[in-house]
Amino acid sequence: MPIYEYKCNGCGKDFETLVMGSYVPQCPDCKSEDLARQMSKCGFVSKSAGPGGEMTTTTSAGSSGCAGCASTNCGSCSTSTIG
């Protein structure tokens, strides 16, 4: 069940929504179906042992997948648009 990000071509609102099956998303503000799907940001954490055996961590912190959210942990978000 993918969550997609959209920009409404009618009113310009950016939003994200869960898309299942043949569901056609609508803008939550103006109800338009004239939408442009946006490229989603992704986040990752990679841990590996360095040459001396020390653990190193690489992260994409600082770019959240949620519009308007500064968190780097999606589990901390309490303002889900799913529903």
C-alpha atoms as a PDB file:
ATOM      1  CA  MET A   1       0.000   0.000   0.000  1.00  0.00           C
ATOM      2  CA  PRO A   2       2.077   2.923  -1.247  1.00  0.00           C
ATOM      3  CA  ILE A   3       1.819   6.461   0.014  1.00  0.00           C
ATOM      4  CA  TYR A   4       2.250   8.942  -2.819  1.00  0.00           C
ATOM      5  CA  GLU A   5       2.937  12.668  -2.749  1.00  0.00           C
ATOM      6  CA  TYR A   6       0.898  14.918  -5.027  1.00  0.00           C
ATOM      7  CA  LYS A   7       0.595  18.563  -6.046  1.00  0.00           C
ATOM      8  CA  CYS A   8      -2.871  19.712  -7.036  1.00  0.00           C
ATOM      9  CA  ASN A   9      -2.881  21.405 -10.440  1.00  0.00           C
ATOM     10  CA  GLY A  10      -6.115  23.189  -9.463  1.00  0.00           C
ATOM     11  CA  CYS A  11      -5.260  24.916  -6.186  1.00  0.00           C
ATOM     12  CA  GLY A  12      -1.516  24.171  -5.784  1.00  0.00           C
ATOM     13  CA  LYS A  13      -1.809  22.225  -2.505  1.00  0.00           C
ATOM     14  CA  ASP A  14       0.941  19.671  -1.744  1.00  0.00           C
ATOM     15  CA  PHE A  15      -0.282  16.548   0.051  1.00  0.00           C
ATOM     16  CA  GLU A  16       0.330  12.833   0.427  1.00  0.00           C
ATOM     17  CA  THR A  17      -2.183  10.010   0.483  1.00  0.00           C
ATOM     18  CA  LEU A  18      -2.417   6.230   0.640  1.00  0.00           C
ATOM     19  CA  VAL A  19      -3.321   4.734  -2.752  1.00  0.00           C
ATOM     20  CA  MET A  20      -4.849   1.253  -2.874  1.00  0.00           C
ATOM     21  CA  GLY A  21      -6.034  -0.620  -5.959  1.00  0.00           C
ATOM     22  CA  SER A  22      -7.943   1.515  -8.446  1.00  0.00           C
ATOM     23  CA  TYR A  23      -8.436   4.410  -5.980  1.00  0.00           C
ATOM     24  CA  VAL A  24      -8.237   7.785  -7.738  1.00  0.00           C
ATOM     25  CA  PRO A  25      -6.899  10.374  -5.280  1.00  0.00           C
ATOM     26  CA  GLN A  26      -8.461  13.809  -4.877  1.00  0.00           C
ATOM     27  CA  CYS A  27      -7.100  17.046  -3.475  1.00  0.00           C
ATOM     28  CA  PRO A  28      -8.213  17.323   0.174  1.00  0.00           C
ATOM     29  CA  ASP A  29      -8.888  21.070  -0.285  1.00  0.00           C
ATOM     30  CA  CYS A  30     -10.637  21.494  -3.653  1.00  0.00           C
ATOM     31  CA  LYS A  31     -11.499  17.815  -4.441  1.00  0.00           C
ATOM     32  CA  SER A  32      -9.838  18.056  -7.862  1.00  0.00           C
ATOM     33  CA  GLU A  33      -8.485  14.875  -9.473  1.00  0.00           C
ATOM     34  CA  ASP A  34      -6.118  16.958 -11.663  1.00  0.00           C
ATOM     35  CA  LEU A  35      -2.967  16.038  -9.733  1.00  0.00           C
ATOM     36  CA  ALA A  36       0.745  15.730 -10.442  1.00  0.00           C
ATOM     37  CA  ARG A  37       2.528  12.937  -8.577  1.00  0.00           C
ATOM     38  CA  GLN A  38       5.752  14.196  -7.008  1.00  0.00           C
ATOM     39  CA  MET A  39       9.096  12.470  -6.493  1.00  0.00           C
ATOM     40  CA  SER A  40       9.223  11.288  -2.887  1.00  0.00           C
ATOM     41  CA  LYS A  41      12.246  11.793  -0.685  1.00  0.00           C
ATOM     42  CA  CYS A  42      13.616   8.663   0.895  1.00  0.00           C
ATOM     43  CA  GLY A  43      15.553   8.099   4.073  1.00  0.00           C
ATOM     44  CA  PHE A  44      18.001   5.433   5.081  1.00  0.00           C
ATOM     45  CA  VAL A  45      20.490   4.412   7.743  1.00  0.00           C
ATOM     46  CA  SER A  46      23.404   2.177   6.834  1.00  0.00           C
ATOM     47  CA  LYS A  47      25.672   0.682   9.488  1.00  0.00           C
ATOM     48  CA  SER A  48      28.897  -1.131   8.696  1.00  0.00           C
ATOM     49  CA  ALA A  49      32.228  -2.022  10.244  1.00  0.00           C
ATOM     50  CA  GLY A  50      35.132   0.171   9.162  1.00  0.00           C
ATOM     51  CA  PRO A  51      38.638  -1.077   8.340  1.00  0.00           C
ATOM     52  CA  GLY A  52      39.629  -1.066  12.024  1.00  0.00           C
ATOM     53  CA  GLY A  53      36.422  -2.799  13.117  1.00  0.00           C
ATOM     54  CA  GLU A  54      34.759   0.423  14.290  1.00  0.00           C
ATOM     55  CA  MET A  55      31.090   0.856  13.436  1.00  0.00           C
ATOM     56  CA  THR A  56      30.250   3.660  11.020  1.00  0.00           C
ATOM     57  CA  THR A  57      26.785   5.006  10.298  1.00  0.00           C
ATOM     58  CA  THR A  58      25.653   6.706   7.116  1.00  0.00           C
ATOM     59  CA  THR A  59      22.285   8.436   7.144  1.00  0.00           C
ATOM     60  CA  SER A  60      20.160  10.630   4.946  1.00  0.00           C
ATOM     61  CA  ALA A  61      19.062  12.629   8.012  1.00  0.00           C
ATOM     62  CA  GLY A  62      17.858  16.105   7.360  1.00  0.00           C
ATOM     63  CA  SER A  63      15.467  15.244   4.550  1.00  0.00           C
ATOM     64  CA  SER A  64      12.214  13.844   5.801  1.00  0.00           C
ATOM     65  CA  GLY A  65       9.711  12.143   3.499  1.00  0.00           C
ATOM     66  CA  CYS A  66       6.861  14.105   5.091  1.00  0.00           C
ATOM     67  CA  ALA A  67       5.961  17.486   3.707  1.00  0.00           C
ATOM     68  CA  GLY A  68       6.566  20.108   6.376  1.00  0.00           C
ATOM     69  CA  CYS A  69       8.120  17.638   8.818  1.00  0.00           C
ATOM     70  CA  ALA A  70      11.636  18.164  10.185  1.00  0.00           C
ATOM     71  CA  SER A  71      11.865  14.737  11.844  1.00  0.00           C
ATOM     72  CA  THR A  72      14.250  12.114  10.522  1.00  0.00           C
ATOM     73  CA  ASN A  73      12.237   9.340  12.175  1.00  0.00           C
ATOM     74  CA  CYS A  74       8.937   8.633  10.415  1.00  0.00           C
ATOM     75  CA  GLY A  75       7.727   6.732  13.503  1.00  0.00           C
ATOM     76  CA  SER A  76       7.668  10.039  15.392  1.00  0.00           C
ATOM     77  CA  CYS A  77       5.126  11.678  13.111  1.00  0.00           C
ATOM     78  CA  SER A  78       1.713  12.152  14.703  1.00  0.00           C
ATOM     79  CA  THR A  79       0.070  13.996  11.809  1.00  0.00           C
ATOM     80  CA  SER A  80      -0.572  11.178   9.351  1.00  0.00           C
ATOM     81  CA  THR A  81      -2.664  11.967   6.272  1.00  0.00           C
ATOM     82  CA  ILE A  82      -3.664   8.318   5.838  1.00  0.00           C
ATOM     83  CA  GLY A  83      -7.354   7.760   6.163  1.00  0.00           C
END
